[in-house]
Amino acid sequence: MYSDLIKDEVEIPVNAATIPPEADGRGMYDPTWDGEKWVELSESDWIAKHKNDTQEPANPSDTDFTLDHNTVDQLKLLVGNLVSENAKKDQSIKRLQTMTGSLVAQIAGLNKGGK
């Protein structure tokens, strides 16, 4: 089961559907297109069908996520660089705020003198 983009000028294949497989706003167990609508297995039928599967589908929350030391070091370096860049930008913002305040004061002084 997969998605594929079909150009406007190309005829949609007989085994294709333009309606995503869902029932009542939820995903479906082993959805199949019968030519008119999506049909799903019941949960118990799906479990029975897949009870002998040797590999369960990957669940991202269940995966063991580990990094090697080199990757960790690279990520630490990247984070350090981002923190440094952020500090430089903060300094630039403070300088610009100071300059803006000074310019506003100068303009106010010129406006008083020009009246």
PDB file of N, CA and C in Angstrom:
ATOM      1  N   MET A   1       0.847  -1.160   0.000  1.00  0.00           N
ATOM      2  CA  MET A   1       0.000   0.000   0.000  1.00  0.00           C
ATOM      3  C   MET A   1       0.897   1.227   0.000  1.00  0.00           C
ATOM      4  N   TYR A   2       0.616   2.141  -0.891  1.00  0.00           N
ATOM      5  CA  TYR A   2       1.428   3.343  -1.002  1.00  0.00           C
ATOM      6  C   TYR A   2       0.625   4.443  -1.661  1.00  0.00           C
ATOM      7  N   SER A   3       1.153   5.659  -1.614  1.00  0.00           N
ATOM      8  CA  SER A   3       0.547   6.798  -2.297  1.00  0.00           C
ATOM      9  C   SER A   3       1.374   7.113  -3.518  1.00  0.00           C
ATOM     10  N   ASP A   4       0.718   7.624  -4.528  1.00  0.00           N
ATOM     11  CA  ASP A   4       1.416   7.991  -5.748  1.00  0.00           C
ATOM     12  C   ASP A   4       0.717   9.200  -6.339  1.00  0.00           C
ATOM     13  N   LEU A   5       1.502  10.136  -6.866  1.00  0.00           N
ATOM     14  CA  LEU A   5       0.917  11.290  -7.541  1.00  0.00           C
ATOM     15  C   LEU A   5       0.710  10.939  -9.005  1.00  0.00           C
ATOM     16  N   ILE A   6      -0.462  11.253  -9.509  1.00  0.00           N
ATOM     17  CA  ILE A   6      -0.792  10.964 -10.902  1.00  0.00           C
ATOM     18  C   ILE A   6      -1.066  12.296 -11.580  1.00  0.00           C
ATOM     19  N   LYS A   7      -0.418  12.542 -12.706  1.00  0.00           N
ATOM     20  CA  LYS A   7      -0.612  13.799 -13.442  1.00  0.00           C
ATOM     21  C   LYS A   7      -2.060  13.921 -13.896  1.00  0.00           C
ATOM     22  N   ASP A   8      -2.522  15.167 -14.022  1.00  0.00           N
ATOM     23  CA  ASP A   8      -3.908  15.425 -14.397  1.00  0.00           C
ATOM     24  C   ASP A   8      -4.300  14.752 -15.708  1.00  0.00           C
ATOM     25  N   GLU A   9      -3.390  14.744 -16.683  1.00  0.00           N
ATOM     26  CA  GLU A   9      -3.729  14.215 -17.997  1.00  0.00           C
ATOM     27  C   GLU A   9      -3.648  12.689 -18.076  1.00  0.00           C
ATOM     28  N   VAL A  10      -3.213  12.040 -17.000  1.00  0.00           N
ATOM     29  CA  VAL A  10      -3.072  10.582 -16.982  1.00  0.00           C
ATOM     30  C   VAL A  10      -4.321   9.966 -16.358  1.00  0.00           C
ATOM     31  N   GLU A  11      -4.808   8.907 -16.975  1.00  0.00           N
ATOM     32  CA  GLU A  11      -5.988   8.223 -16.451  1.00  0.00           C
ATOM     33  C   GLU A  11      -5.650   7.508 -15.152  1.00  0.00           C
ATOM     34  N   ILE A  12      -6.545   7.591 -14.186  1.00  0.00           N
ATOM     35  CA  ILE A  12      -6.337   6.931 -12.893  1.00  0.00           C
ATOM     36  C   ILE A  12      -6.462   5.428 -13.087  1.00  0.00           C
ATOM     37  N   PRO A  13      -5.487   4.637 -12.617  1.00  0.00           N
ATOM     38  CA  PRO A  13      -5.557   3.178 -12.774  1.00  0.00           C
ATOM     39  C   PRO A  13      -6.789   2.599 -12.087  1.00  0.00           C
ATOM     40  N   VAL A  14      -7.243   1.470 -12.582  1.00  0.00           N
ATOM     41  CA  VAL A  14      -8.427   0.813 -12.044  1.00  0.00           C
ATOM     42  C   VAL A  14      -8.252   0.466 -10.568  1.00  0.00           C
ATOM     43  N   ASN A  15      -7.018   0.098 -10.179  1.00  0.00           N
ATOM     44  CA  ASN A  15      -6.791  -0.319  -8.792  1.00  0.00           C
ATOM     45  C   ASN A  15      -6.459   0.856  -7.874  1.00  0.00           C
ATOM     46  N   ALA A  16      -6.705   2.085  -8.320  1.00  0.00           N
ATOM     47  CA  ALA A  16      -6.374   3.268  -7.513  1.00  0.00           C
ATOM     48  C   ALA A  16      -7.641   3.893  -6.946  1.00  0.00           C
ATOM     49  N   ALA A  17      -7.462   4.616  -5.852  1.00  0.00           N
ATOM     50  CA  ALA A  17      -8.571   5.336  -5.228  1.00  0.00           C
ATOM     51  C   ALA A  17      -8.099   6.751  -4.925  1.00  0.00           C
ATOM     52  N   THR A  18      -9.003   7.699  -5.014  1.00  0.00           N
ATOM     53  CA  THR A  18      -8.659   9.086  -4.684  1.00  0.00           C
ATOM     54  C   THR A  18      -9.132   9.465  -3.293  1.00  0.00           C
ATOM     55  N   ILE A  19      -9.697   8.513  -2.589  1.00  0.00           N
ATOM     56  CA  ILE A  19     -10.214   8.733  -1.231  1.00  0.00           C
ATOM     57  C   ILE A  19      -9.274   8.050  -0.246  1.00  0.00           C
ATOM     58  N   PRO A  20      -8.770   8.787   0.754  1.00  0.00           N
ATOM     59  CA  PRO A  20      -7.869   8.137   1.714  1.00  0.00           C
ATOM     60  C   PRO A  20      -8.602   7.097   2.558  1.00  0.00           C
ATOM     61  N   PRO A  21      -7.888   6.034   2.952  1.00  0.00           N
ATOM     62  CA  PRO A  21      -8.537   4.989   3.747  1.00  0.00           C
ATOM     63  C   PRO A  21      -8.706   5.416   5.201  1.00  0.00           C
ATOM     64  N   GLU A  22      -9.944   5.689   5.580  1.00  0.00           N
ATOM     65  CA  GLU A  22     -10.251   5.959   6.978  1.00  0.00           C
ATOM     66  C   GLU A  22     -11.723   5.682   7.210  1.00  0.00           C
ATOM     67  N   ALA A  23     -12.028   5.335   8.436  1.00  0.00           N
ATOM     68  CA  ALA A  23     -13.414   5.069   8.815  1.00  0.00           C
ATOM     69  C   ALA A  23     -13.726   5.895  10.048  1.00  0.00           C
ATOM     70  N   ASP A  24     -14.727   6.722   9.948  1.00  0.00           N
ATOM     71  CA  ASP A  24     -15.119   7.573  11.077  1.00  0.00           C
ATOM     72  C   ASP A  24     -13.945   8.399  11.591  1.00  0.00           C
ATOM     73  N   GLY A  25     -13.085   8.862  10.684  1.00  0.00           N
ATOM     74  CA  GLY A  25     -11.959   9.707  11.067  1.00  0.00           C
ATOM     75  C   GLY A  25     -10.799   8.976  11.704  1.00  0.00           C
ATOM     76  N   ARG A  26     -10.781   7.663  11.667  1.00  0.00           N
ATOM     77  CA  ARG A  26      -9.680   6.899  12.257  1.00  0.00           C
ATOM     78  C   ARG A  26      -9.038   6.021  11.184  1.00  0.00           C
ATOM     79  N   GLY A  27      -7.858   5.550  11.465  1.00  0.00           N
ATOM     80  CA  GLY A  27      -7.196   4.624  10.563  1.00  0.00           C
ATOM     81  C   GLY A  27      -7.940   3.301  10.496  1.00  0.00           C
ATOM     82  N   MET A  28      -7.558   2.489   9.513  1.00  0.00           N
ATOM     83  CA  MET A  28      -8.259   1.226   9.314  1.00  0.00           C
ATOM     84  C   MET A  28      -7.294   0.060   9.411  1.00  0.00           C
ATOM     85  N   TYR A  29      -7.813  -1.108   9.796  1.00  0.00           N
ATOM     86  CA  TYR A  29      -7.019  -2.333   9.820  1.00  0.00           C
ATOM     87  C   TYR A  29      -6.982  -2.918   8.409  1.00  0.00           C
ATOM     88  N   ASP A  30      -5.791  -2.971   7.831  1.00  0.00           N
ATOM     89  CA  ASP A  30      -5.582  -3.627   6.534  1.00  0.00           C
ATOM     90  C   ASP A  30      -6.605  -3.192   5.488  1.00  0.00           C
ATOM     91  N   PRO A  31      -6.689  -1.879   5.211  1.00  0.00           N
ATOM     92  CA  PRO A  31      -7.722  -1.403   4.282  1.00  0.00           C
ATOM     93  C   PRO A  31      -7.488  -1.895   2.857  1.00  0.00           C
ATOM     94  N   THR A  32      -8.572  -2.223   2.174  1.00  0.00           N
ATOM     95  CA  THR A  32      -8.525  -2.584   0.752  1.00  0.00           C
ATOM     96  C   THR A  32      -9.652  -1.843   0.050  1.00  0.00           C
ATOM     97  N   TRP A  33      -9.416  -1.479  -1.191  1.00  0.00           N
ATOM     98  CA  TRP A  33     -10.401  -0.759  -1.990  1.00  0.00           C
ATOM     99  C   TRP A  33     -11.202  -1.780  -2.788  1.00  0.00           C
ATOM    100  N   ASP A  34     -12.516  -1.769  -2.637  1.00  0.00           N
ATOM    101  CA  ASP A  34     -13.331  -2.745  -3.358  1.00  0.00           C
ATOM    102  C   ASP A  34     -13.885  -2.194  -4.669  1.00  0.00           C
ATOM    103  N   GLY A  35     -13.406  -1.025  -5.068  1.00  0.00           N
ATOM    104  CA  GLY A  35     -13.875  -0.388  -6.294  1.00  0.00           C
ATOM    105  C   GLY A  35     -14.872   0.716  -6.026  1.00  0.00           C
ATOM    106  N   GLU A  36     -15.456   0.715  -4.836  1.00  0.00           N
ATOM    107  CA  GLU A  36     -16.430   1.739  -4.462  1.00  0.00           C
ATOM    108  C   GLU A  36     -16.125   2.376  -3.117  1.00  0.00           C
ATOM    109  N   LYS A  37     -15.574   1.570  -2.208  1.00  0.00           N
ATOM    110  CA  LYS A  37     -15.308   2.073  -0.851  1.00  0.00           C
ATOM    111  C   LYS A  37     -14.163   1.277  -0.228  1.00  0.00           C
ATOM    112  N   TRP A  38     -13.637   1.816   0.875  1.00  0.00           N
ATOM    113  CA  TRP A  38     -12.598   1.119   1.626  1.00  0.00           C
ATOM    114  C   TRP A  38     -13.246   0.099   2.543  1.00  0.00           C
ATOM    115  N   VAL A  39     -12.675  -1.080   2.573  1.00  0.00           N
ATOM    116  CA  VAL A  39     -13.162  -2.160   3.437  1.00  0.00           C
ATOM    117  C   VAL A  39     -12.006  -2.556   4.352  1.00  0.00           C
ATOM    118  N   GLU A  40     -12.287  -2.769   5.613  1.00  0.00           N
ATOM    119  CA  GLU A  40     -11.229  -3.122   6.557  1.00  0.00           C
ATOM    120  C   GLU A  40     -11.520  -4.439   7.242  1.00  0.00           C
ATOM    121  N   LEU A  41     -10.451  -5.000   7.789  1.00  0.00           N
ATOM    122  CA  LEU A  41     -10.610  -6.178   8.635  1.00  0.00           C
ATOM    123  C   LEU A  41     -11.019  -5.715  10.021  1.00  0.00           C
ATOM    124  N   SER A  42     -11.671  -6.573  10.753  1.00  0.00           N
ATOM    125  CA  SER A  42     -11.932  -6.265  12.159  1.00  0.00           C
ATOM    126  C   SER A  42     -10.598  -6.384  12.898  1.00  0.00           C
ATOM    127  N   GLU A  43     -10.540  -5.818  14.070  1.00  0.00           N
ATOM    128  CA  GLU A  43      -9.293  -5.897  14.846  1.00  0.00           C
ATOM    129  C   GLU A  43      -8.923  -7.358  15.116  1.00  0.00           C
ATOM    130  N   SER A  44      -9.895  -8.172  15.468  1.00  0.00           N
ATOM    131  CA  SER A  44      -9.596  -9.581  15.775  1.00  0.00           C
ATOM    132  C   SER A  44      -9.142 -10.332  14.521  1.00  0.00           C
ATOM    133  N   ASP A  45      -9.749 -10.024  13.361  1.00  0.00           N
ATOM    134  CA  ASP A  45      -9.308 -10.665  12.115  1.00  0.00           C
ATOM    135  C   ASP A  45      -7.887 -10.239  11.752  1.00  0.00           C
ATOM    136  N   TRP A  46      -7.593  -8.961  11.988  1.00  0.00           N
ATOM    137  CA  TRP A  46      -6.251  -8.460  11.690  1.00  0.00           C
ATOM    138  C   TRP A  46      -5.217  -9.163  12.576  1.00  0.00           C
ATOM    139  N   ILE A  47      -5.534  -9.299  13.858  1.00  0.00           N
ATOM    140  CA  ILE A  47      -4.625  -9.984  14.796  1.00  0.00           C
ATOM    141  C   ILE A  47      -4.427 -11.424  14.370  1.00  0.00           C
ATOM    142  N   ALA A  48      -5.512 -12.088  13.989  1.00  0.00           N
ATOM    143  CA  ALA A  48      -5.405 -13.492  13.547  1.00  0.00           C
ATOM    144  C   ALA A  48      -4.567 -13.595  12.276  1.00  0.00           C
ATOM    145  N   LYS A  49      -4.750 -12.664  11.355  1.00  0.00           N
ATOM    146  CA  LYS A  49      -4.007 -12.685  10.090  1.00  0.00           C
ATOM    147  C   LYS A  49      -2.510 -12.489  10.319  1.00  0.00           C
ATOM    148  N   HIS A  50      -2.157 -11.666  11.296  1.00  0.00           N
ATOM    149  CA  HIS A  50      -0.756 -11.311  11.518  1.00  0.00           C
ATOM    150  C   HIS A  50      -0.130 -12.001  12.731  1.00  0.00           C
ATOM    151  N   LYS A  51      -0.810 -12.967  13.309  1.00  0.00           N
ATOM    152  CA  LYS A  51      -0.287 -13.598  14.530  1.00  0.00           C
ATOM    153  C   LYS A  51       1.030 -14.327  14.297  1.00  0.00           C
ATOM    154  N   ASN A  52       1.277 -14.788  13.092  1.00  0.00           N
ATOM    155  CA  ASN A  52       2.514 -15.518  12.802  1.00  0.00           C
ATOM    156  C   ASN A  52       3.591 -14.651  12.169  1.00  0.00           C
ATOM    157  N   ASP A  53       3.328 -13.358  12.056  1.00  0.00           N
ATOM    158  CA  ASP A  53       4.349 -12.458  11.508  1.00  0.00           C
ATOM    159  C   ASP A  53       5.571 -12.484  12.415  1.00  0.00           C
ATOM    160  N   THR A  54       6.750 -12.586  11.809  1.00  0.00           N
ATOM    161  CA  THR A  54       7.970 -12.653  12.603  1.00  0.00           C
ATOM    162  C   THR A  54       8.429 -11.279  13.061  1.00  0.00           C
ATOM    163  N   GLN A  55       8.042 -10.253  12.339  1.00  0.00           N
ATOM    164  CA  GLN A  55       8.467  -8.905  12.716  1.00  0.00           C
ATOM    165  C   GLN A  55       7.234  -8.031  12.849  1.00  0.00           C
ATOM    166  N   GLU A  56       7.082  -7.432  14.018  1.00  0.00           N
ATOM    167  CA  GLU A  56       5.957  -6.540  14.230  1.00  0.00           C
ATOM    168  C   GLU A  56       6.232  -5.221  13.539  1.00  0.00           C
ATOM    169  N   PRO A  57       5.196  -4.516  13.099  1.00  0.00           N
ATOM    170  CA  PRO A  57       5.404  -3.211  12.490  1.00  0.00           C
ATOM    171  C   PRO A  57       6.103  -2.283  13.468  1.00  0.00           C
ATOM    172  N   ALA A  58       6.995  -1.460  12.958  1.00  0.00           N
ATOM    173  CA  ALA A  58       7.740  -0.535  13.816  1.00  0.00           C
ATOM    174  C   ALA A  58       6.815   0.520  14.382  1.00  0.00           C
ATOM    175  N   ASN A  59       6.905   0.723  15.657  1.00  0.00           N
ATOM    176  CA  ASN A  59       6.182   1.789  16.333  1.00  0.00           C
ATOM    177  C   ASN A  59       7.235   2.781  16.796  1.00  0.00           C
ATOM    178  N   PRO A  60       7.219   4.012  16.264  1.00  0.00           N
ATOM    179  CA  PRO A  60       8.296   4.958  16.589  1.00  0.00           C
ATOM    180  C   PRO A  60       8.527   5.161  18.082  1.00  0.00           C
ATOM    181  N   SER A  61       7.472   5.063  18.893  1.00  0.00           N
ATOM    182  CA  SER A  61       7.656   5.271  20.325  1.00  0.00           C
ATOM    183  C   SER A  61       8.346   4.081  20.984  1.00  0.00           C
ATOM    184  N   ASP A  62       8.331   2.926  20.311  1.00  0.00           N
ATOM    185  CA  ASP A  62       8.943   1.721  20.872  1.00  0.00           C
ATOM    186  C   ASP A  62      10.378   1.491  20.410  1.00  0.00           C
ATOM    187  N   THR A  63      10.838   2.262  19.438  1.00  0.00           N
ATOM    188  CA  THR A  63      12.169   2.013  18.892  1.00  0.00           C
ATOM    189  C   THR A  63      13.240   2.456  19.877  1.00  0.00           C
ATOM    190  N   ASP A  64      14.327   1.720  19.903  1.00  0.00           N
ATOM    191  CA  ASP A  64      15.460   2.048  20.760  1.00  0.00           C
ATOM    192  C   ASP A  64      16.358   3.005  19.984  1.00  0.00           C
ATOM    193  N   PHE A  65      16.414   4.249  20.418  1.00  0.00           N
ATOM    194  CA  PHE A  65      17.152   5.279  19.699  1.00  0.00           C
ATOM    195  C   PHE A  65      18.495   5.495  20.384  1.00  0.00           C
ATOM    196  N   THR A  66      19.564   5.079  19.719  1.00  0.00           N
ATOM    197  CA  THR A  66      20.899   5.265  20.277  1.00  0.00           C
ATOM    198  C   THR A  66      21.778   5.975  19.265  1.00  0.00           C
ATOM    199  N   LEU A  67      22.735   6.734  19.771  1.00  0.00           N
ATOM    200  CA  LEU A  67      23.675   7.460  18.932  1.00  0.00           C
ATOM    201  C   LEU A  67      25.094   7.047  19.301  1.00  0.00           C
ATOM    202  N   ASP A  68      25.969   7.008  18.305  1.00  0.00           N
ATOM    203  CA  ASP A  68      27.363   6.713  18.622  1.00  0.00           C
ATOM    204  C   ASP A  68      28.033   7.979  19.162  1.00  0.00           C
ATOM    205  N   HIS A  69      29.218   7.830  19.750  1.00  0.00           N
ATOM    206  CA  HIS A  69      29.910   8.958  20.392  1.00  0.00           C
ATOM    207  C   HIS A  69      30.243  10.055  19.390  1.00  0.00           C
ATOM    208  N   ASN A  70      30.604   9.696  18.171  1.00  0.00           N
ATOM    209  CA  ASN A  70      30.951  10.685  17.161  1.00  0.00           C
ATOM    210  C   ASN A  70      29.743  11.568  16.841  1.00  0.00           C
ATOM    211  N   THR A  71      28.570  10.961  16.713  1.00  0.00           N
ATOM    212  CA  THR A  71      27.355  11.715  16.421  1.00  0.00           C
ATOM    213  C   THR A  71      27.005  12.627  17.586  1.00  0.00           C
ATOM    214  N   VAL A  72      27.150  12.115  18.802  1.00  0.00           N
ATOM    215  CA  VAL A  72      26.870  12.932  19.985  1.00  0.00           C
ATOM    216  C   VAL A  72      27.811  14.135  20.025  1.00  0.00           C
ATOM    217  N   ASP A  73      29.094  13.908  19.756  1.00  0.00           N
ATOM    218  CA  ASP A  73      30.066  15.005  19.739  1.00  0.00           C
ATOM    219  C   ASP A  73      29.713  16.037  18.674  1.00  0.00           C
ATOM    220  N   GLN A  74      29.290  15.563  17.501  1.00  0.00           N
ATOM    221  CA  GLN A  74      28.909  16.490  16.434  1.00  0.00           C
ATOM    222  C   GLN A  74      27.682  17.306  16.833  1.00  0.00           C
ATOM    223  N   LEU A  75      26.728  16.653  17.488  1.00  0.00           N
ATOM    224  CA  LEU A  75      25.535  17.366  17.938  1.00  0.00           C
ATOM    225  C   LEU A  75      25.875  18.394  19.018  1.00  0.00           C
ATOM    226  N   LYS A  76      26.782  18.031  19.927  1.00  0.00           N
ATOM    227  CA  LYS A  76      27.210  18.984  20.965  1.00  0.00           C
ATOM    228  C   LYS A  76      27.879  20.199  20.334  1.00  0.00           C
ATOM    229  N   LEU A  77      28.723  19.958  19.328  1.00  0.00           N
ATOM    230  CA  LEU A  77      29.393  21.049  18.632  1.00  0.00           C
ATOM    231  C   LEU A  77      28.370  21.939  17.934  1.00  0.00           C
ATOM    232  N   LEU A  78      27.399  21.323  17.297  1.00  0.00           N
ATOM    233  CA  LEU A  78      26.352  22.072  16.610  1.00  0.00           C
ATOM    234  C   LEU A  78      25.559  22.930  17.591  1.00  0.00           C
ATOM    235  N   VAL A  79      25.186  22.356  18.723  1.00  0.00           N
ATOM    236  CA  VAL A  79      24.443  23.102  19.739  1.00  0.00           C
ATOM    237  C   VAL A  79      25.299  24.256  20.266  1.00  0.00           C
ATOM    238  N   GLY A  80      26.581  23.996  20.507  1.00  0.00           N
ATOM    239  CA  GLY A  80      27.482  25.056  20.971  1.00  0.00           C
ATOM    240  C   GLY A  80      27.569  26.194  19.972  1.00  0.00           C
ATOM    241  N   ASN A  81      27.664  25.856  18.692  1.00  0.00           N
ATOM    242  CA  ASN A  81      27.711  26.889  17.647  1.00  0.00           C
ATOM    243  C   ASN A  81      26.418  27.692  17.604  1.00  0.00           C
ATOM    244  N   LEU A  82      25.295  27.016  17.757  1.00  0.00           N
ATOM    245  CA  LEU A  82      24.012  27.713  17.752  1.00  0.00           C
ATOM    246  C   LEU A  82      23.877  28.649  18.959  1.00  0.00           C
ATOM    247  N   VAL A  83      24.341  28.207  20.113  1.00  0.00           N
ATOM    248  CA  VAL A  83      24.298  29.049  21.309  1.00  0.00           C
ATOM    249  C   VAL A  83      25.175  30.282  21.106  1.00  0.00           C
ATOM    250  N   SER A  84      26.353  30.080  20.520  1.00  0.00           N
ATOM    251  CA  SER A  84      27.264  31.199  20.257  1.00  0.00           C
ATOM    252  C   SER A  84      26.645  32.193  19.276  1.00  0.00           C
ATOM    253  N   GLU A  85      26.050  31.676  18.201  1.00  0.00           N
ATOM    254  CA  GLU A  85      25.390  32.548  17.221  1.00  0.00           C
ATOM    255  C   GLU A  85      24.260  33.327  17.872  1.00  0.00           C
ATOM    256  N   ASN A  86      23.500  32.658  18.723  1.00  0.00           N
ATOM    257  CA  ASN A  86      22.384  33.299  19.402  1.00  0.00           C
ATOM    258  C   ASN A  86      22.883  34.426  20.305  1.00  0.00           C
ATOM    259  N   ALA A  87      23.983  34.201  21.000  1.00  0.00           N
ATOM    260  CA  ALA A  87      24.550  35.238  21.880  1.00  0.00           C
ATOM    261  C   ALA A  87      25.004  36.445  21.059  1.00  0.00           C
ATOM    262  N   LYS A  88      25.637  36.194  19.906  1.00  0.00           N
ATOM    263  CA  LYS A  88      26.064  37.301  19.034  1.00  0.00           C
ATOM    264  C   LYS A  88      24.868  38.099  18.538  1.00  0.00           C
ATOM    265  N   LYS A  89      23.795  37.399  18.186  1.00  0.00           N
ATOM    266  CA  LYS A  89      22.598  38.093  17.714  1.00  0.00           C
ATOM    267  C   LYS A  89      21.973  38.907  18.835  1.00  0.00           C
ATOM    268  N   ASP A  90      21.987  38.378  20.059  1.00  0.00           N
ATOM    269  CA  ASP A  90      21.470  39.131  21.199  1.00  0.00           C
ATOM    270  C   ASP A  90      22.258  40.418  21.397  1.00  0.00           C
ATOM    271  N   GLN A  91      23.595  40.335  21.266  1.00  0.00           N
ATOM    272  CA  GLN A  91      24.439  41.528  21.383  1.00  0.00           C
ATOM    273  C   GLN A  91      24.107  42.533  20.287  1.00  0.00           C
ATOM    274  N   SER A  92      23.916  42.057  19.064  1.00  0.00           N
ATOM    275  CA  SER A  92      23.575  42.945  17.951  1.00  0.00           C
ATOM    276  C   SER A  92      22.235  43.625  18.205  1.00  0.00           C
ATOM    277  N   ILE A  93      21.277  42.888  18.721  1.00  0.00           N
ATOM    278  CA  ILE A  93      19.958  43.458  19.010  1.00  0.00           C
ATOM    279  C   ILE A  93      20.081  44.547  20.062  1.00  0.00           C
ATOM    280  N   LYS A  94      20.876  44.303  21.110  1.00  0.00           N
ATOM    281  CA  LYS A  94      21.051  45.317  22.165  1.00  0.00           C
ATOM    282  C   LYS A  94      21.710  46.578  21.611  1.00  0.00           C
ATOM    283  N   ARG A  95      22.718  46.403  20.724  1.00  0.00           N
ATOM    284  CA  ARG A  95      23.364  47.570  20.107  1.00  0.00           C
ATOM    285  C   ARG A  95      22.366  48.356  19.260  1.00  0.00           C
ATOM    286  N   LEU A  96      21.545  47.624  18.484  1.00  0.00           N
ATOM    287  CA  LEU A  96      20.542  48.292  17.655  1.00  0.00           C
ATOM    288  C   LEU A  96      19.503  49.010  18.500  1.00  0.00           C
ATOM    289  N   GLN A  97      19.122  48.420  19.635  1.00  0.00           N
ATOM    290  CA  GLN A  97      18.165  49.075  20.520  1.00  0.00           C
ATOM    291  C   GLN A  97      18.759  50.361  21.097  1.00  0.00           C
ATOM    292  N   THR A  98      20.033  50.317  21.462  1.00  0.00           N
ATOM    293  CA  THR A  98      20.713  51.502  21.989  1.00  0.00           C
ATOM    294  C   THR A  98      20.788  52.588  20.921  1.00  0.00           C
ATOM    295  N   MET A  99      21.170  52.188  19.691  1.00  0.00           N
ATOM    296  CA  MET A  99      21.269  53.153  18.596  1.00  0.00           C
ATOM    297  C   MET A  99      19.898  53.760  18.281  1.00  0.00           C
ATOM    298  N   THR A 100      18.855  52.929  18.298  1.00  0.00           N
ATOM    299  CA  THR A 100      17.506  53.410  18.017  1.00  0.00           C
ATOM    300  C   THR A 100      17.079  54.424  19.073  1.00  0.00           C
ATOM    301  N   GLY A 101      17.353  54.117  20.340  1.00  0.00           N
ATOM    302  CA  GLY A 101      17.016  55.048  21.414  1.00  0.00           C
ATOM    303  C   GLY A 101      17.743  56.373  21.240  1.00  0.00           C
ATOM    304  N   SER A 102      19.017  56.301  20.855  1.00  0.00           N
ATOM    305  CA  SER A 102      19.799  57.513  20.642  1.00  0.00           C
ATOM    306  C   SER A 102      19.234  58.332  19.481  1.00  0.00           C
ATOM    307  N   LEU A 103      18.884  57.655  18.391  1.00  0.00           N
ATOM    308  CA  LEU A 103      18.324  58.347  17.229  1.00  0.00           C
ATOM    309  C   LEU A 103      16.973  58.986  17.564  1.00  0.00           C
ATOM    310  N   VAL A 104      16.130  58.269  18.326  1.00  0.00           N
ATOM    311  CA  VAL A 104      14.834  58.818  18.733  1.00  0.00           C
ATOM    312  C   VAL A 104      15.052  60.074  19.577  1.00  0.00           C
ATOM    313  N   ALA A 105      16.040  60.028  20.482  1.00  0.00           N
ATOM    314  CA  ALA A 105      16.340  61.199  21.319  1.00  0.00           C
ATOM    315  C   ALA A 105      16.829  62.361  20.454  1.00  0.00           C
ATOM    316  N   GLN A 106      17.683  62.085  19.463  1.00  0.00           N
ATOM    317  CA  GLN A 106      18.181  63.143  18.573  1.00  0.00           C
ATOM    318  C   GLN A 106      17.048  63.756  17.763  1.00  0.00           C
ATOM    319  N   ILE A 107      16.144  62.920  17.260  1.00  0.00           N
ATOM    320  CA  ILE A 107      15.010  63.419  16.476  1.00  0.00           C
ATOM    321  C   ILE A 107      14.114  64.278  17.344  1.00  0.00           C
ATOM    322  N   ALA A 108      13.884  63.820  18.580  1.00  0.00           N
ATOM    323  CA  ALA A 108      13.050  64.593  19.503  1.00  0.00           C
ATOM    324  C   ALA A 108      13.688  65.955  19.777  1.00  0.00           C
ATOM    325  N   GLY A 109      15.026  65.975  19.936  1.00  0.00           N
ATOM    326  CA  GLY A 109      15.736  67.227  20.167  1.00  0.00           C
ATOM    327  C   GLY A 109      15.649  68.147  18.958  1.00  0.00           C
ATOM    328  N   LEU A 110      15.747  67.609  17.769  1.00  0.00           N
ATOM    329  CA  LEU A 110      15.632  68.419  16.552  1.00  0.00           C
ATOM    330  C   LEU A 110      14.228  68.974  16.391  1.00  0.00           C
ATOM    331  N   ASN A 111      13.218  68.156  16.747  1.00  0.00           N
ATOM    332  CA  ASN A 111      11.834  68.616  16.640  1.00  0.00           C
ATOM    333  C   ASN A 111      11.564  69.757  17.605  1.00  0.00           C
ATOM    334  N   LYS A 112      12.159  69.733  18.799  1.00  0.00           N
ATOM    335  CA  LYS A 112      11.962  70.813  19.773  1.00  0.00           C
ATOM    336  C   LYS A 112      12.617  72.079  19.268  1.00  0.00           C
ATOM    337  N   GLY A 113      13.795  71.935  18.703  1.00  0.00           N
ATOM    338  CA  GLY A 113      14.534  73.108  18.213  1.00  0.00           C
ATOM    339  C   GLY A 113      13.927  73.690  16.958  1.00  0.00           C
ATOM    340  N   GLY A 114      13.229  72.897  16.179  1.00  0.00           N
ATOM    341  CA  GLY A 114      12.670  73.362  14.918  1.00  0.00           C
ATOM    342  C   GLY A 114      11.323  74.039  15.080  1.00  0.00           C
ATOM    343  N   LYS A 115      10.730  74.036  16.264  1.00  0.00           N
ATOM    344  CA  LYS A 115       9.388  74.642  16.459  1.00  0.00           C
ATOM    345  C   LYS A 115       9.480  76.065  16.831  1.00  0.00           C
TER     346      LYS A 115
END
